[in-house]
Amino acid sequence: MCDGARFAPEGRGELFAAEYDSPIGRLTLAAGGEGLVGLWLEDQKYFGSGLAEKLRAGRGGELDAAAAWLDRYFAGERPLISELRLAPRGSDFRRTVWALLCAIPYGETVTYGELAARTAAKLGRERMSAQAVGGAVGHNPISVIIPCHRVVGADGSLTGYAGGTDRKLRLLQHEGADAGRLFIPKRGTAL
């Protein structure tokens, strides 16, 4: 279940960035005074989305904490999301979806439809569009840590990952998810 991850209020101000070499490619981390605002994979769709500020090279604080978290994650440990101060920037709706992503257990997957139902319940609505939820998932600014890779199509298709479906599969395999029913579709608009 959710490990108690909380998002800091959005802030504005100077942002610092650092690069991190991972098994799935180079990552860019971005943080400000409020916490970690971004983690993007090299060549990721929506890279830096939602940031008005320029990123300056930096170290320390949240950048070092995120790098240490990633070291543990890629070493096969299961660090808690709540160990980091996260401050993803986005609408209230997107932040709601991103918080629900943090509740998906390590090594497990949910479908976009299931996530839409959870979002509807959280917002006190009868229904929620899986496409709207998918859009929020796709714009997650803190990849890997906020585990958007754990959301799959109802048929087991690995669609909709801004970092690429091959990386999505690698992350799920790294976590020990049941990949037997998962597949990369040959075509589609969400690849």
N, C-alpha and C. Protein backbone atom coordinates (compact mmCIF):
# COMPACT_ATOMS: atom_id res chain seq x y z
N MET A 1 0.85 -1.19 0.00
CA MET A 1 0.00 0.00 0.00
C MET A 1 0.88 1.24 0.00
N CYS A 2 0.24 2.38 0.14
CA CYS A 2 0.97 3.64 0.08
C CYS A 2 1.96 3.71 1.24
N ASP A 3 3.14 4.16 0.97
CA ASP A 3 4.16 4.21 2.02
C ASP A 3 4.21 5.57 2.71
N GLY A 4 3.15 6.36 2.59
CA GLY A 4 3.10 7.65 3.26
C GLY A 4 3.72 8.78 2.47
N ALA A 5 3.90 8.60 1.18
CA ALA A 5 4.47 9.66 0.36
C ALA A 5 3.58 10.89 0.42
N ARG A 6 4.18 12.04 0.58
CA ARG A 6 3.46 13.31 0.61
C ARG A 6 4.17 14.26 -0.34
N PHE A 7 3.40 15.10 -0.98
CA PHE A 7 3.97 16.09 -1.88
C PHE A 7 4.03 17.44 -1.18
N ALA A 8 5.17 18.08 -1.29
CA ALA A 8 5.32 19.43 -0.75
C ALA A 8 4.54 20.39 -1.63
N PRO A 9 4.15 21.53 -1.07
CA PRO A 9 3.49 22.54 -1.91
C PRO A 9 4.42 22.98 -3.03
N GLU A 10 3.81 23.35 -4.15
CA GLU A 10 4.61 23.84 -5.27
C GLU A 10 5.31 25.12 -4.87
N GLY A 11 6.51 25.27 -5.34
CA GLY A 11 7.27 26.48 -5.08
C GLY A 11 7.78 27.06 -6.37
N ARG A 12 8.31 28.20 -6.28
CA ARG A 12 8.97 28.85 -7.41
C ARG A 12 10.28 29.38 -6.87
N GLY A 13 11.26 29.34 -7.66
CA GLY A 13 12.57 29.80 -7.23
C GLY A 13 13.64 29.09 -8.00
N GLU A 14 14.83 29.23 -7.53
CA GLU A 14 15.97 28.66 -8.22
C GLU A 14 15.90 27.13 -8.17
N LEU A 15 16.16 26.51 -9.33
CA LEU A 15 16.19 25.06 -9.42
C LEU A 15 17.57 24.58 -9.81
N PHE A 16 17.96 23.48 -9.21
CA PHE A 16 19.27 22.90 -9.48
C PHE A 16 19.07 21.51 -10.07
N ALA A 17 19.99 21.12 -10.94
CA ALA A 17 19.90 19.83 -11.61
C ALA A 17 21.21 19.07 -11.51
N ALA A 18 21.08 17.77 -11.55
CA ALA A 18 22.25 16.88 -11.56
C ALA A 18 21.91 15.70 -12.46
N GLU A 19 22.93 15.12 -13.03
CA GLU A 19 22.77 13.94 -13.88
C GLU A 19 23.04 12.70 -13.05
N TYR A 20 22.37 11.62 -13.41
CA TYR A 20 22.54 10.35 -12.73
C TYR A 20 22.60 9.26 -13.79
N ASP A 21 23.67 8.48 -13.80
CA ASP A 21 23.79 7.37 -14.75
C ASP A 21 23.16 6.13 -14.14
N SER A 22 22.13 5.61 -14.81
CA SER A 22 21.39 4.48 -14.29
C SER A 22 21.43 3.33 -15.29
N PRO A 23 20.98 2.15 -14.88
CA PRO A 23 20.91 1.01 -15.80
C PRO A 23 19.93 1.22 -16.96
N ILE A 24 19.04 2.20 -16.86
CA ILE A 24 18.10 2.47 -17.96
C ILE A 24 18.48 3.75 -18.71
N GLY A 25 19.69 4.24 -18.49
CA GLY A 25 20.16 5.43 -19.19
C GLY A 25 20.36 6.60 -18.25
N ARG A 26 20.83 7.68 -18.83
CA ARG A 26 21.09 8.89 -18.05
C ARG A 26 19.79 9.53 -17.60
N LEU A 27 19.75 9.91 -16.32
CA LEU A 27 18.61 10.58 -15.74
C LEU A 27 19.01 12.00 -15.37
N THR A 28 18.06 12.92 -15.45
CA THR A 28 18.28 14.29 -14.98
C THR A 28 17.37 14.51 -13.79
N LEU A 29 17.96 14.92 -12.68
CA LEU A 29 17.23 15.23 -11.45
C LEU A 29 17.16 16.74 -11.31
N ALA A 30 16.02 17.25 -10.85
CA ALA A 30 15.87 18.69 -10.62
C ALA A 30 15.22 18.90 -9.25
N ALA A 31 15.74 19.87 -8.50
CA ALA A 31 15.21 20.14 -7.17
C ALA A 31 15.31 21.63 -6.86
N GLY A 32 14.41 22.06 -6.00
CA GLY A 32 14.42 23.42 -5.48
C GLY A 32 14.25 23.36 -3.98
N GLY A 33 13.99 24.48 -3.38
CA GLY A 33 13.85 24.54 -1.93
C GLY A 33 12.72 23.69 -1.39
N GLU A 34 11.69 23.44 -2.20
CA GLU A 34 10.55 22.66 -1.74
C GLU A 34 10.77 21.15 -1.85
N GLY A 35 11.76 20.72 -2.61
CA GLY A 35 12.03 19.30 -2.76
C GLY A 35 12.34 18.94 -4.20
N LEU A 36 12.28 17.65 -4.50
CA LEU A 36 12.55 17.14 -5.84
C LEU A 36 11.37 17.48 -6.74
N VAL A 37 11.63 18.19 -7.84
CA VAL A 37 10.55 18.58 -8.76
C VAL A 37 10.58 17.77 -10.05
N GLY A 38 11.70 17.10 -10.34
CA GLY A 38 11.76 16.36 -11.59
C GLY A 38 12.80 15.26 -11.59
N LEU A 39 12.49 14.22 -12.36
CA LEU A 39 13.42 13.15 -12.66
C LEU A 39 13.01 12.66 -14.04
N TRP A 40 13.84 12.97 -15.02
CA TRP A 40 13.51 12.62 -16.40
C TRP A 40 14.58 11.71 -16.99
N LEU A 41 14.12 10.78 -17.81
CA LEU A 41 15.03 9.90 -18.54
C LEU A 41 15.50 10.65 -19.79
N GLU A 42 16.70 10.35 -20.20
CA GLU A 42 17.23 10.94 -21.42
C GLU A 42 16.27 10.67 -22.57
N ASP A 43 15.99 11.68 -23.36
CA ASP A 43 15.08 11.60 -24.51
C ASP A 43 13.62 11.36 -24.12
N GLN A 44 13.27 11.59 -22.88
CA GLN A 44 11.90 11.38 -22.44
C GLN A 44 10.97 12.42 -23.03
N LYS A 45 9.80 11.98 -23.43
CA LYS A 45 8.75 12.90 -23.86
C LYS A 45 8.39 13.77 -22.66
N TYR A 46 8.11 15.02 -22.88
CA TYR A 46 7.76 16.00 -21.84
C TYR A 46 8.93 16.30 -20.90
N PHE A 47 10.15 16.13 -21.36
CA PHE A 47 11.33 16.41 -20.53
C PHE A 47 11.26 17.85 -20.02
N GLY A 48 11.31 18.04 -18.72
CA GLY A 48 11.28 19.37 -18.12
C GLY A 48 9.92 20.04 -18.15
N SER A 49 8.89 19.31 -18.49
CA SER A 49 7.55 19.87 -18.59
C SER A 49 7.12 20.50 -17.27
N GLY A 50 6.53 21.68 -17.36
CA GLY A 50 6.00 22.37 -16.19
C GLY A 50 6.99 23.25 -15.47
N LEU A 51 8.22 23.31 -15.94
CA LEU A 51 9.21 24.15 -15.28
C LEU A 51 9.42 25.44 -16.06
N ALA A 52 9.22 26.55 -15.40
CA ALA A 52 9.44 27.84 -16.05
C ALA A 52 10.89 28.30 -15.84
N GLU A 53 11.50 27.83 -14.76
CA GLU A 53 12.84 28.24 -14.41
C GLU A 53 13.89 27.47 -15.21
N LYS A 54 15.02 28.10 -15.39
CA LYS A 54 16.16 27.40 -15.97
C LYS A 54 16.82 26.57 -14.88
N LEU A 55 17.38 25.45 -15.28
CA LEU A 55 18.05 24.57 -14.34
C LEU A 55 19.53 24.91 -14.28
N ARG A 56 20.04 25.04 -13.07
CA ARG A 56 21.48 25.28 -12.86
C ARG A 56 22.09 24.02 -12.29
N ALA A 57 23.31 23.74 -12.69
CA ALA A 57 24.01 22.57 -12.17
C ALA A 57 24.16 22.71 -10.67
N GLY A 58 23.96 21.62 -9.97
CA GLY A 58 24.07 21.69 -8.51
C GLY A 58 24.28 20.32 -7.90
N ARG A 59 24.44 20.32 -6.61
CA ARG A 59 24.63 19.11 -5.81
C ARG A 59 24.10 19.40 -4.41
N GLY A 60 23.98 18.34 -3.64
CA GLY A 60 23.57 18.49 -2.25
C GLY A 60 22.08 18.33 -2.07
N GLY A 61 21.65 18.36 -0.82
CA GLY A 61 20.24 18.35 -0.46
C GLY A 61 19.44 17.25 -1.13
N GLU A 62 18.33 17.66 -1.75
CA GLU A 62 17.41 16.72 -2.38
C GLU A 62 18.03 15.98 -3.56
N LEU A 63 18.96 16.61 -4.26
CA LEU A 63 19.60 15.93 -5.39
C LEU A 63 20.41 14.74 -4.91
N ASP A 64 21.18 14.94 -3.84
CA ASP A 64 21.97 13.83 -3.29
C ASP A 64 21.06 12.76 -2.68
N ALA A 65 19.99 13.19 -2.02
CA ALA A 65 19.05 12.24 -1.43
C ALA A 65 18.40 11.39 -2.51
N ALA A 66 18.01 12.01 -3.62
CA ALA A 66 17.40 11.27 -4.72
C ALA A 66 18.40 10.31 -5.35
N ALA A 67 19.64 10.75 -5.53
CA ALA A 67 20.67 9.88 -6.10
C ALA A 67 20.92 8.67 -5.19
N ALA A 68 20.96 8.88 -3.89
CA ALA A 68 21.15 7.77 -2.95
C ALA A 68 19.95 6.82 -3.00
N TRP A 69 18.74 7.37 -3.12
CA TRP A 69 17.53 6.56 -3.24
C TRP A 69 17.62 5.69 -4.50
N LEU A 70 18.01 6.30 -5.61
CA LEU A 70 18.15 5.57 -6.87
C LEU A 70 19.23 4.50 -6.79
N ASP A 71 20.34 4.79 -6.12
CA ASP A 71 21.39 3.78 -5.91
C ASP A 71 20.80 2.54 -5.24
N ARG A 72 20.03 2.75 -4.21
CA ARG A 72 19.42 1.64 -3.47
C ARG A 72 18.39 0.91 -4.33
N TYR A 73 17.56 1.67 -5.04
CA TYR A 73 16.53 1.07 -5.90
C TYR A 73 17.17 0.18 -6.96
N PHE A 74 18.16 0.70 -7.67
CA PHE A 74 18.79 -0.08 -8.74
C PHE A 74 19.67 -1.21 -8.20
N ALA A 75 20.00 -1.16 -6.91
CA ALA A 75 20.74 -2.27 -6.27
C ALA A 75 19.78 -3.37 -5.82
N GLY A 76 18.49 -3.19 -6.04
CA GLY A 76 17.52 -4.21 -5.69
C GLY A 76 16.83 -4.01 -4.36
N GLU A 77 17.14 -2.91 -3.68
CA GLU A 77 16.44 -2.61 -2.44
C GLU A 77 15.08 -2.00 -2.77
N ARG A 78 14.29 -1.78 -1.75
CA ARG A 78 12.96 -1.19 -1.94
C ARG A 78 12.83 0.07 -1.09
N PRO A 79 13.54 1.11 -1.45
CA PRO A 79 13.45 2.33 -0.64
C PRO A 79 12.03 2.91 -0.71
N LEU A 80 11.61 3.52 0.37
CA LEU A 80 10.28 4.11 0.44
C LEU A 80 10.26 5.47 -0.24
N ILE A 81 9.19 5.72 -0.95
CA ILE A 81 9.02 7.02 -1.60
C ILE A 81 8.99 8.13 -0.55
N SER A 82 8.42 7.82 0.61
CA SER A 82 8.29 8.82 1.68
C SER A 82 9.63 9.28 2.25
N GLU A 83 10.72 8.62 1.88
CA GLU A 83 12.04 9.04 2.33
C GLU A 83 12.49 10.34 1.66
N LEU A 84 11.83 10.70 0.56
CA LEU A 84 12.20 11.89 -0.21
C LEU A 84 11.15 12.98 -0.08
N ARG A 85 11.61 14.22 -0.18
CA ARG A 85 10.68 15.35 -0.26
C ARG A 85 10.38 15.57 -1.74
N LEU A 86 9.16 15.25 -2.14
CA LEU A 86 8.76 15.38 -3.53
C LEU A 86 7.88 16.60 -3.70
N ALA A 87 8.08 17.33 -4.78
CA ALA A 87 7.29 18.52 -5.08
C ALA A 87 7.00 18.61 -6.57
N PRO A 88 6.29 17.59 -7.11
CA PRO A 88 5.98 17.63 -8.55
C PRO A 88 5.05 18.80 -8.84
N ARG A 89 5.29 19.46 -9.96
CA ARG A 89 4.48 20.61 -10.33
C ARG A 89 3.42 20.20 -11.34
N GLY A 90 2.20 20.54 -11.02
CA GLY A 90 1.08 20.21 -11.91
C GLY A 90 -0.23 20.61 -11.27
N SER A 91 -1.30 20.40 -12.01
CA SER A 91 -2.64 20.74 -11.53
C SER A 91 -3.00 19.86 -10.34
N ASP A 92 -4.03 20.26 -9.61
CA ASP A 92 -4.50 19.45 -8.48
C ASP A 92 -4.89 18.05 -8.96
N PHE A 93 -5.53 17.98 -10.13
CA PHE A 93 -5.92 16.68 -10.68
C PHE A 93 -4.70 15.80 -10.91
N ARG A 94 -3.69 16.34 -11.57
CA ARG A 94 -2.48 15.54 -11.84
C ARG A 94 -1.80 15.13 -10.54
N ARG A 95 -1.71 16.04 -9.60
CA ARG A 95 -1.06 15.71 -8.33
C ARG A 95 -1.83 14.60 -7.59
N THR A 96 -3.15 14.59 -7.74
CA THR A 96 -3.96 13.52 -7.15
C THR A 96 -3.60 12.17 -7.78
N VAL A 97 -3.53 12.15 -9.12
CA VAL A 97 -3.16 10.92 -9.82
C VAL A 97 -1.75 10.49 -9.42
N TRP A 98 -0.81 11.43 -9.38
CA TRP A 98 0.57 11.08 -9.03
C TRP A 98 0.66 10.51 -7.61
N ALA A 99 -0.13 11.06 -6.69
CA ALA A 99 -0.14 10.53 -5.32
C ALA A 99 -0.67 9.09 -5.32
N LEU A 100 -1.67 8.82 -6.13
CA LEU A 100 -2.19 7.45 -6.22
C LEU A 100 -1.18 6.49 -6.84
N LEU A 101 -0.34 6.98 -7.73
CA LEU A 101 0.72 6.13 -8.28
C LEU A 101 1.65 5.65 -7.16
N CYS A 102 1.88 6.50 -6.19
CA CYS A 102 2.78 6.15 -5.08
C CYS A 102 2.22 5.02 -4.23
N ALA A 103 0.92 4.74 -4.35
CA ALA A 103 0.29 3.68 -3.57
C ALA A 103 0.37 2.32 -4.27
N ILE A 104 0.85 2.28 -5.51
CA ILE A 104 0.98 1.00 -6.22
C ILE A 104 2.20 0.27 -5.66
N PRO A 105 2.00 -0.91 -5.08
CA PRO A 105 3.13 -1.61 -4.46
C PRO A 105 4.24 -1.97 -5.45
N TYR A 106 5.42 -2.01 -4.93
CA TYR A 106 6.62 -2.41 -5.66
C TYR A 106 6.39 -3.76 -6.32
N GLY A 107 6.70 -3.86 -7.61
CA GLY A 107 6.59 -5.13 -8.31
C GLY A 107 5.19 -5.49 -8.75
N GLU A 108 4.24 -4.59 -8.56
CA GLU A 108 2.86 -4.86 -8.98
C GLU A 108 2.45 -3.85 -10.04
N THR A 109 1.39 -4.18 -10.76
CA THR A 109 0.87 -3.27 -11.78
C THR A 109 -0.62 -3.07 -11.55
N VAL A 110 -1.13 -1.95 -12.06
CA VAL A 110 -2.56 -1.68 -12.12
C VAL A 110 -2.85 -1.22 -13.55
N THR A 111 -4.10 -1.33 -13.94
CA THR A 111 -4.47 -0.86 -15.27
C THR A 111 -4.88 0.61 -15.19
N TYR A 112 -4.90 1.24 -16.36
CA TYR A 112 -5.35 2.63 -16.42
C TYR A 112 -6.80 2.73 -15.92
N GLY A 113 -7.62 1.72 -16.23
CA GLY A 113 -9.00 1.71 -15.76
C GLY A 113 -9.09 1.63 -14.25
N GLU A 114 -8.27 0.76 -13.65
CA GLU A 114 -8.24 0.65 -12.18
C GLU A 114 -7.80 1.97 -11.55
N LEU A 115 -6.78 2.58 -12.13
CA LEU A 115 -6.30 3.86 -11.60
C LEU A 115 -7.37 4.94 -11.77
N ALA A 116 -8.12 4.89 -12.86
CA ALA A 116 -9.20 5.86 -13.06
C ALA A 116 -10.27 5.67 -11.99
N ALA A 117 -10.59 4.43 -11.66
CA ALA A 117 -11.59 4.18 -10.61
C ALA A 117 -11.09 4.69 -9.26
N ARG A 118 -9.82 4.49 -8.96
CA ARG A 118 -9.25 4.98 -7.70
C ARG A 118 -9.25 6.50 -7.66
N THR A 119 -8.96 7.12 -8.81
CA THR A 119 -8.97 8.58 -8.88
C THR A 119 -10.38 9.11 -8.67
N ALA A 120 -11.37 8.49 -9.31
CA ALA A 120 -12.76 8.90 -9.14
C ALA A 120 -13.17 8.82 -7.68
N ALA A 121 -12.81 7.71 -7.02
CA ALA A 121 -13.16 7.55 -5.60
C ALA A 121 -12.49 8.64 -4.75
N LYS A 122 -11.23 8.90 -5.03
CA LYS A 122 -10.49 9.92 -4.27
C LYS A 122 -11.12 11.30 -4.44
N LEU A 123 -11.63 11.59 -5.64
CA LEU A 123 -12.22 12.90 -5.94
C LEU A 123 -13.72 12.94 -5.67
N GLY A 124 -14.28 11.83 -5.18
CA GLY A 124 -15.70 11.79 -4.88
C GLY A 124 -16.60 11.81 -6.10
N ARG A 125 -16.10 11.25 -7.18
CA ARG A 125 -16.87 11.18 -8.43
C ARG A 125 -17.32 9.75 -8.68
N GLU A 126 -18.37 9.64 -9.49
CA GLU A 126 -18.88 8.31 -9.84
C GLU A 126 -17.94 7.61 -10.81
N ARG A 127 -17.42 8.35 -11.80
CA ARG A 127 -16.54 7.79 -12.82
C ARG A 127 -15.44 8.78 -13.16
N MET A 128 -14.44 8.25 -13.82
CA MET A 128 -13.32 9.08 -14.29
C MET A 128 -12.82 8.48 -15.59
N SER A 129 -12.49 9.32 -16.53
CA SER A 129 -11.97 8.87 -17.81
C SER A 129 -10.57 8.27 -17.65
N ALA A 130 -10.40 7.05 -18.15
CA ALA A 130 -9.08 6.43 -18.13
C ALA A 130 -8.11 7.22 -18.99
N GLN A 131 -8.60 7.87 -20.05
CA GLN A 131 -7.73 8.68 -20.91
C GLN A 131 -7.22 9.91 -20.17
N ALA A 132 -8.09 10.55 -19.38
CA ALA A 132 -7.66 11.71 -18.60
C ALA A 132 -6.61 11.30 -17.58
N VAL A 133 -6.84 10.18 -16.92
CA VAL A 133 -5.87 9.67 -15.95
C VAL A 133 -4.57 9.30 -16.67
N GLY A 134 -4.69 8.68 -17.85
CA GLY A 134 -3.51 8.33 -18.63
C GLY A 134 -2.68 9.55 -18.99
N GLY A 135 -3.36 10.66 -19.30
CA GLY A 135 -2.65 11.89 -19.60
C GLY A 135 -1.85 12.38 -18.40
N ALA A 136 -2.44 12.29 -17.21
CA ALA A 136 -1.73 12.69 -15.99
C ALA A 136 -0.55 11.76 -15.72
N VAL A 137 -0.76 10.46 -15.92
CA VAL A 137 0.32 9.49 -15.73
C VAL A 137 1.48 9.81 -16.68
N GLY A 138 1.15 10.08 -17.93
CA GLY A 138 2.17 10.37 -18.93
C GLY A 138 2.96 11.64 -18.67
N HIS A 139 2.37 12.57 -17.92
CA HIS A 139 3.05 13.83 -17.61
C HIS A 139 3.70 13.82 -16.22
N ASN A 140 3.83 12.64 -15.62
CA ASN A 140 4.50 12.53 -14.32
C ASN A 140 5.92 13.09 -14.44
N PRO A 141 6.25 14.14 -13.67
CA PRO A 141 7.57 14.74 -13.80
C PRO A 141 8.67 14.04 -12.99
N ILE A 142 8.31 13.06 -12.18
CA ILE A 142 9.31 12.39 -11.34
C ILE A 142 9.27 10.89 -11.63
N SER A 143 9.72 10.54 -12.83
CA SER A 143 9.71 9.13 -13.27
C SER A 143 10.50 8.26 -12.30
N VAL A 144 10.24 7.00 -12.34
CA VAL A 144 10.87 5.96 -11.54
C VAL A 144 10.44 6.08 -10.07
N ILE A 145 10.69 7.22 -9.43
CA ILE A 145 10.35 7.37 -8.01
C ILE A 145 8.84 7.40 -7.83
N ILE A 146 8.13 8.24 -8.59
CA ILE A 146 6.68 8.17 -8.65
C ILE A 146 6.42 7.14 -9.75
N PRO A 147 6.02 5.93 -9.38
CA PRO A 147 6.11 4.78 -10.29
C PRO A 147 5.03 4.69 -11.37
N CYS A 148 5.07 5.58 -12.32
CA CYS A 148 4.12 5.55 -13.43
C CYS A 148 4.35 4.33 -14.32
N HIS A 149 5.52 3.73 -14.24
CA HIS A 149 5.80 2.52 -15.03
C HIS A 149 4.96 1.33 -14.58
N ARG A 150 4.31 1.42 -13.44
CA ARG A 150 3.51 0.32 -12.91
C ARG A 150 2.07 0.32 -13.45
N VAL A 151 1.76 1.23 -14.37
CA VAL A 151 0.41 1.30 -14.95
C VAL A 151 0.47 0.72 -16.36
N VAL A 152 -0.43 -0.23 -16.62
CA VAL A 152 -0.43 -0.95 -17.90
C VAL A 152 -1.84 -0.95 -18.49
N GLY A 153 -1.92 -1.31 -19.76
CA GLY A 153 -3.22 -1.45 -20.41
C GLY A 153 -3.98 -2.64 -19.85
N ALA A 154 -5.30 -2.63 -20.01
CA ALA A 154 -6.15 -3.71 -19.49
C ALA A 154 -5.77 -5.07 -20.06
N ASP A 155 -5.22 -5.07 -21.28
CA ASP A 155 -4.82 -6.33 -21.93
C ASP A 155 -3.36 -6.70 -21.63
N GLY A 156 -2.69 -5.94 -20.77
CA GLY A 156 -1.29 -6.20 -20.44
C GLY A 156 -0.31 -5.46 -21.33
N SER A 157 -0.83 -4.58 -22.19
CA SER A 157 0.07 -3.83 -23.08
C SER A 157 0.83 -2.76 -22.32
N LEU A 158 2.07 -2.58 -22.70
CA LEU A 158 2.95 -1.60 -22.07
C LEU A 158 2.93 -0.31 -22.89
N THR A 159 1.83 0.38 -22.84
CA THR A 159 1.70 1.62 -23.58
C THR A 159 1.81 2.80 -22.64
N GLY A 160 2.02 3.96 -23.22
CA GLY A 160 1.90 5.20 -22.47
C GLY A 160 3.05 5.58 -21.58
N TYR A 161 4.23 5.07 -21.77
CA TYR A 161 5.36 5.46 -20.92
C TYR A 161 6.22 6.47 -21.66
N ALA A 162 6.30 7.68 -21.11
CA ALA A 162 7.03 8.77 -21.77
C ALA A 162 8.52 8.46 -21.93
N GLY A 163 9.04 7.55 -21.13
CA GLY A 163 10.44 7.16 -21.23
C GLY A 163 10.70 6.03 -22.20
N GLY A 164 9.64 5.50 -22.81
CA GLY A 164 9.76 4.40 -23.77
C GLY A 164 9.33 3.08 -23.17
N THR A 165 8.63 2.30 -23.97
CA THR A 165 8.10 1.04 -23.48
C THR A 165 9.19 0.03 -23.11
N ASP A 166 10.33 0.10 -23.79
CA ASP A 166 11.42 -0.82 -23.43
C ASP A 166 11.93 -0.54 -22.02
N ARG A 167 12.01 0.73 -21.64
CA ARG A 167 12.44 1.08 -20.28
C ARG A 167 11.37 0.68 -19.26
N LYS A 168 10.12 0.87 -19.63
CA LYS A 168 9.02 0.48 -18.74
C LYS A 168 9.12 -1.00 -18.42
N LEU A 169 9.33 -1.83 -19.44
CA LEU A 169 9.47 -3.26 -19.23
C LEU A 169 10.68 -3.58 -18.36
N ARG A 170 11.80 -2.92 -18.62
CA ARG A 170 13.00 -3.16 -17.81
C ARG A 170 12.78 -2.83 -16.35
N LEU A 171 12.07 -1.71 -16.07
CA LEU A 171 11.79 -1.33 -14.68
C LEU A 171 10.89 -2.37 -14.01
N LEU A 172 9.87 -2.82 -14.72
CA LEU A 172 8.97 -3.82 -14.14
C LEU A 172 9.69 -5.14 -13.90
N GLN A 173 10.55 -5.54 -14.83
CA GLN A 173 11.34 -6.76 -14.63
C GLN A 173 12.29 -6.59 -13.46
N HIS A 174 12.90 -5.43 -13.34
CA HIS A 174 13.80 -5.15 -12.21
C HIS A 174 13.08 -5.32 -10.88
N GLU A 175 11.81 -4.92 -10.85
CA GLU A 175 11.02 -5.00 -9.62
C GLU A 175 10.43 -6.39 -9.39
N GLY A 176 10.61 -7.29 -10.35
CA GLY A 176 10.09 -8.63 -10.21
C GLY A 176 8.60 -8.76 -10.51
N ALA A 177 8.05 -7.82 -11.27
CA ALA A 177 6.64 -7.89 -11.63
C ALA A 177 6.41 -9.10 -12.54
N ASP A 178 5.21 -9.62 -12.50
CA ASP A 178 4.84 -10.74 -13.37
C ASP A 178 4.77 -10.23 -14.80
N ALA A 179 5.85 -10.42 -15.55
CA ALA A 179 5.93 -9.89 -16.91
C ALA A 179 5.38 -10.87 -17.94
N GLY A 180 4.93 -12.05 -17.50
CA GLY A 180 4.43 -13.06 -18.42
C GLY A 180 3.24 -12.61 -19.25
N ARG A 181 2.42 -11.76 -18.70
CA ARG A 181 1.23 -11.31 -19.43
C ARG A 181 1.44 -9.95 -20.09
N LEU A 182 2.59 -9.35 -19.88
CA LEU A 182 2.87 -8.01 -20.41
C LEU A 182 3.50 -8.10 -21.80
N PHE A 183 3.18 -7.13 -22.65
CA PHE A 183 3.77 -7.11 -23.98
C PHE A 183 3.84 -5.69 -24.50
N ILE A 184 4.78 -5.48 -25.41
CA ILE A 184 4.93 -4.20 -26.09
C ILE A 184 4.14 -4.29 -27.39
N PRO A 185 3.11 -3.46 -27.54
CA PRO A 185 2.30 -3.54 -28.77
C PRO A 185 3.09 -3.16 -30.00
N LYS A 186 2.70 -3.73 -31.13
CA LYS A 186 3.39 -3.45 -32.40
C LYS A 186 3.08 -2.07 -32.93
N ARG A 187 1.89 -1.56 -32.62
CA ARG A 187 1.53 -0.23 -33.08
C ARG A 187 0.52 0.37 -32.11
N GLY A 188 0.36 1.68 -32.19
CA GLY A 188 -0.57 2.38 -31.33
C GLY A 188 -0.15 3.81 -31.16
N THR A 189 -1.07 4.63 -30.71
CA THR A 189 -0.76 6.06 -30.58
C THR A 189 -0.05 6.39 -29.28
N ALA A 190 -0.07 5.48 -28.32
CA ALA A 190 0.51 5.78 -27.02
C ALA A 190 1.89 5.17 -26.83
N LEU A 191 2.56 4.79 -27.89
CA LEU A 191 3.88 4.15 -27.76
C LEU A 191 4.96 5.17 -27.51
